[in-house]
């Protein structure tokens, strides 16, 4: 695992936070919530690959 995934997650977090605040100030709470949810889904798609690899590694490590 390289460090670039951490930077990508941080960039999405900053972008979503800024968009969320802009949309909340504009009175568009529904769009702000959907933007936050979309950011969460994108990050989860990135992270799920690493979690899968972790479980496979643990399975091979503890296999008899």
N, C-alpha and C. Protein backbone atom coordinates (compact mmCIF):
# COMPACT_ATOMS: atom_id res chain seq x y z
N UNK A 1 0.85 -1.18 0.00
CA UNK A 1 0.00 0.00 0.00
C UNK A 1 0.89 1.24 0.00
N UNK A 2 0.60 2.12 -0.88
CA UNK A 2 1.39 3.34 -0.92
C UNK A 2 0.62 4.49 -0.26
N UNK A 3 1.30 5.58 -0.10
CA UNK A 3 0.76 6.71 0.64
C UNK A 3 -0.23 7.54 -0.20
N UNK A 4 -0.28 7.30 -1.50
CA UNK A 4 -1.13 8.12 -2.36
C UNK A 4 -2.61 7.96 -2.04
N UNK A 5 -3.02 6.79 -1.54
CA UNK A 5 -4.43 6.60 -1.19
C UNK A 5 -4.82 7.52 -0.04
N UNK A 6 -3.91 7.76 0.87
CA UNK A 6 -4.20 8.66 1.99
C UNK A 6 -4.40 10.08 1.48
N UNK A 7 -3.56 10.50 0.55
CA UNK A 7 -3.70 11.84 -0.02
C UNK A 7 -4.98 11.98 -0.83
N UNK A 8 -5.36 10.92 -1.56
CA UNK A 8 -6.61 10.98 -2.33
C UNK A 8 -7.81 11.08 -1.40
N UNK A 9 -7.80 10.31 -0.32
CA UNK A 9 -8.91 10.37 0.64
C UNK A 9 -8.98 11.74 1.29
N UNK A 10 -7.83 12.30 1.64
CA UNK A 10 -7.80 13.64 2.23
C UNK A 10 -8.31 14.69 1.25
N UNK A 11 -7.94 14.56 -0.02
CA UNK A 11 -8.40 15.52 -1.02
C UNK A 11 -9.92 15.45 -1.20
N UNK A 12 -10.46 14.24 -1.23
CA UNK A 12 -11.91 14.10 -1.34
C UNK A 12 -12.59 14.67 -0.10
N UNK A 13 -12.00 14.44 1.06
CA UNK A 13 -12.57 14.98 2.29
C UNK A 13 -12.62 16.49 2.31
N UNK A 14 -11.55 17.12 1.88
CA UNK A 14 -11.52 18.59 1.82
C UNK A 14 -12.52 19.10 0.80
N UNK A 15 -12.56 18.49 -0.37
CA UNK A 15 -13.49 18.92 -1.41
C UNK A 15 -14.94 18.77 -0.96
N UNK A 16 -15.26 17.65 -0.34
CA UNK A 16 -16.63 17.42 0.12
C UNK A 16 -16.98 18.40 1.23
N UNK A 17 -16.04 18.67 2.12
CA UNK A 17 -16.31 19.62 3.21
C UNK A 17 -16.61 21.02 2.69
N UNK A 18 -15.83 21.46 1.70
CA UNK A 18 -16.05 22.80 1.12
C UNK A 18 -17.40 22.84 0.39
N UNK A 19 -17.67 21.83 -0.42
CA UNK A 19 -18.96 21.80 -1.13
C UNK A 19 -20.13 21.73 -0.16
N UNK A 20 -19.96 20.97 0.91
CA UNK A 20 -21.02 20.86 1.90
C UNK A 20 -21.32 22.21 2.53
N UNK A 21 -20.30 22.95 2.91
CA UNK A 21 -20.51 24.25 3.53
C UNK A 21 -21.13 25.25 2.55
N UNK A 22 -20.68 25.22 1.31
CA UNK A 22 -21.25 26.14 0.31
C UNK A 22 -22.73 25.84 0.09
N UNK A 23 -23.06 24.57 -0.03
CA UNK A 23 -24.45 24.20 -0.26
C UNK A 23 -25.32 24.48 0.97
N UNK A 24 -24.79 24.30 2.15
CA UNK A 24 -25.56 24.61 3.36
C UNK A 24 -25.84 26.11 3.46
N UNK A 25 -24.84 26.92 3.14
CA UNK A 25 -25.03 28.38 3.20
C UNK A 25 -26.03 28.86 2.14
N UNK A 26 -26.12 28.11 1.04
CA UNK A 26 -27.06 28.47 -0.02
C UNK A 26 -28.46 27.95 0.26
N UNK A 27 -28.64 27.22 1.36
CA UNK A 27 -29.95 26.72 1.71
C UNK A 27 -30.33 25.43 1.00
N UNK A 28 -29.36 24.71 0.50
CA UNK A 28 -29.63 23.46 -0.22
C UNK A 28 -29.12 22.28 0.61
N UNK A 29 -29.85 22.00 1.67
CA UNK A 29 -29.43 20.95 2.60
C UNK A 29 -29.46 19.56 1.97
N UNK A 30 -30.44 19.32 1.10
CA UNK A 30 -30.54 17.99 0.47
C UNK A 30 -29.35 17.70 -0.42
N UNK A 31 -28.95 18.69 -1.22
CA UNK A 31 -27.80 18.51 -2.09
C UNK A 31 -26.51 18.37 -1.28
N UNK A 32 -26.43 19.07 -0.15
CA UNK A 32 -25.25 18.95 0.71
C UNK A 32 -25.14 17.53 1.26
N UNK A 33 -26.27 16.97 1.67
CA UNK A 33 -26.25 15.61 2.19
C UNK A 33 -25.88 14.61 1.08
N UNK A 34 -26.41 14.81 -0.12
CA UNK A 34 -26.08 13.91 -1.22
C UNK A 34 -24.61 14.02 -1.63
N UNK A 35 -24.05 15.22 -1.54
CA UNK A 35 -22.63 15.40 -1.84
C UNK A 35 -21.77 14.66 -0.83
N UNK A 36 -22.14 14.76 0.43
CA UNK A 36 -21.41 14.04 1.47
C UNK A 36 -21.52 12.54 1.27
N UNK A 37 -22.69 12.07 0.95
CA UNK A 37 -22.90 10.65 0.72
C UNK A 37 -22.11 10.16 -0.49
N UNK A 38 -22.08 10.95 -1.55
CA UNK A 38 -21.31 10.58 -2.74
C UNK A 38 -19.82 10.50 -2.43
N UNK A 39 -19.31 11.44 -1.65
CA UNK A 39 -17.90 11.39 -1.25
C UNK A 39 -17.59 10.16 -0.43
N UNK A 40 -18.49 9.79 0.46
CA UNK A 40 -18.31 8.59 1.27
C UNK A 40 -18.28 7.34 0.41
N UNK A 41 -19.18 7.26 -0.56
CA UNK A 41 -19.23 6.09 -1.44
C UNK A 41 -17.96 5.97 -2.28
N UNK A 42 -17.47 7.08 -2.78
CA UNK A 42 -16.24 7.06 -3.58
C UNK A 42 -15.07 6.55 -2.74
N UNK A 43 -14.94 7.05 -1.52
CA UNK A 43 -13.85 6.62 -0.65
C UNK A 43 -14.01 5.15 -0.28
N UNK A 44 -15.23 4.71 -0.03
CA UNK A 44 -15.44 3.30 0.31
C UNK A 44 -15.06 2.38 -0.85
N UNK A 45 -15.33 2.80 -2.09
CA UNK A 45 -14.92 2.00 -3.24
C UNK A 45 -13.41 1.88 -3.32
N UNK A 46 -12.70 2.94 -2.95
CA UNK A 46 -11.24 2.88 -2.96
C UNK A 46 -10.72 1.98 -1.85
N UNK A 47 -11.32 2.06 -0.67
CA UNK A 47 -10.80 1.37 0.50
C UNK A 47 -11.17 -0.12 0.48
N UNK A 48 -12.28 -0.48 -0.14
CA UNK A 48 -12.73 -1.87 -0.10
C UNK A 48 -11.71 -2.81 -0.72
N UNK A 49 -10.95 -2.36 -1.69
CA UNK A 49 -9.91 -3.20 -2.29
C UNK A 49 -8.82 -3.53 -1.27
N UNK A 50 -8.45 -2.55 -0.47
CA UNK A 50 -7.41 -2.77 0.53
C UNK A 50 -7.91 -3.66 1.67
N UNK A 51 -9.16 -3.53 2.04
CA UNK A 51 -9.74 -4.38 3.07
C UNK A 51 -9.80 -5.82 2.58
N UNK A 52 -10.18 -6.01 1.34
CA UNK A 52 -10.21 -7.36 0.77
C UNK A 52 -8.82 -7.99 0.77
N UNK A 53 -7.82 -7.23 0.38
CA UNK A 53 -6.45 -7.72 0.39
C UNK A 53 -6.00 -8.06 1.82
N UNK A 54 -6.40 -7.24 2.78
CA UNK A 54 -6.06 -7.50 4.17
C UNK A 54 -6.65 -8.82 4.65
N UNK A 55 -7.92 -9.07 4.34
CA UNK A 55 -8.55 -10.32 4.76
C UNK A 55 -7.92 -11.53 4.08
N UNK A 56 -7.58 -11.40 2.81
CA UNK A 56 -6.91 -12.51 2.12
C UNK A 56 -5.54 -12.79 2.73
N UNK A 57 -4.80 -11.76 3.08
CA UNK A 57 -3.50 -11.93 3.70
C UNK A 57 -3.63 -12.59 5.07
N UNK A 58 -4.61 -12.15 5.84
CA UNK A 58 -4.81 -12.76 7.16
C UNK A 58 -5.23 -14.22 7.04
N UNK A 59 -6.04 -14.53 6.03
CA UNK A 59 -6.47 -15.90 5.83
C UNK A 59 -5.28 -16.81 5.50
N UNK A 60 -4.41 -16.34 4.62
CA UNK A 60 -3.23 -17.15 4.27
C UNK A 60 -2.25 -17.23 5.43
N UNK A 61 -2.16 -16.21 6.24
CA UNK A 61 -1.23 -16.21 7.35
C UNK A 61 -1.64 -17.21 8.44
N UNK A 62 -2.93 -17.30 8.73
CA UNK A 62 -3.40 -18.15 9.81
C UNK A 62 -3.89 -19.52 9.33
N UNK A 63 -3.66 -19.85 8.11
CA UNK A 63 -4.03 -21.15 7.59
C UNK A 63 -3.03 -22.20 8.05
N UNK A 64 -3.51 -23.37 8.39
CA UNK A 64 -2.62 -24.43 8.89
C UNK A 64 -2.16 -25.31 7.76
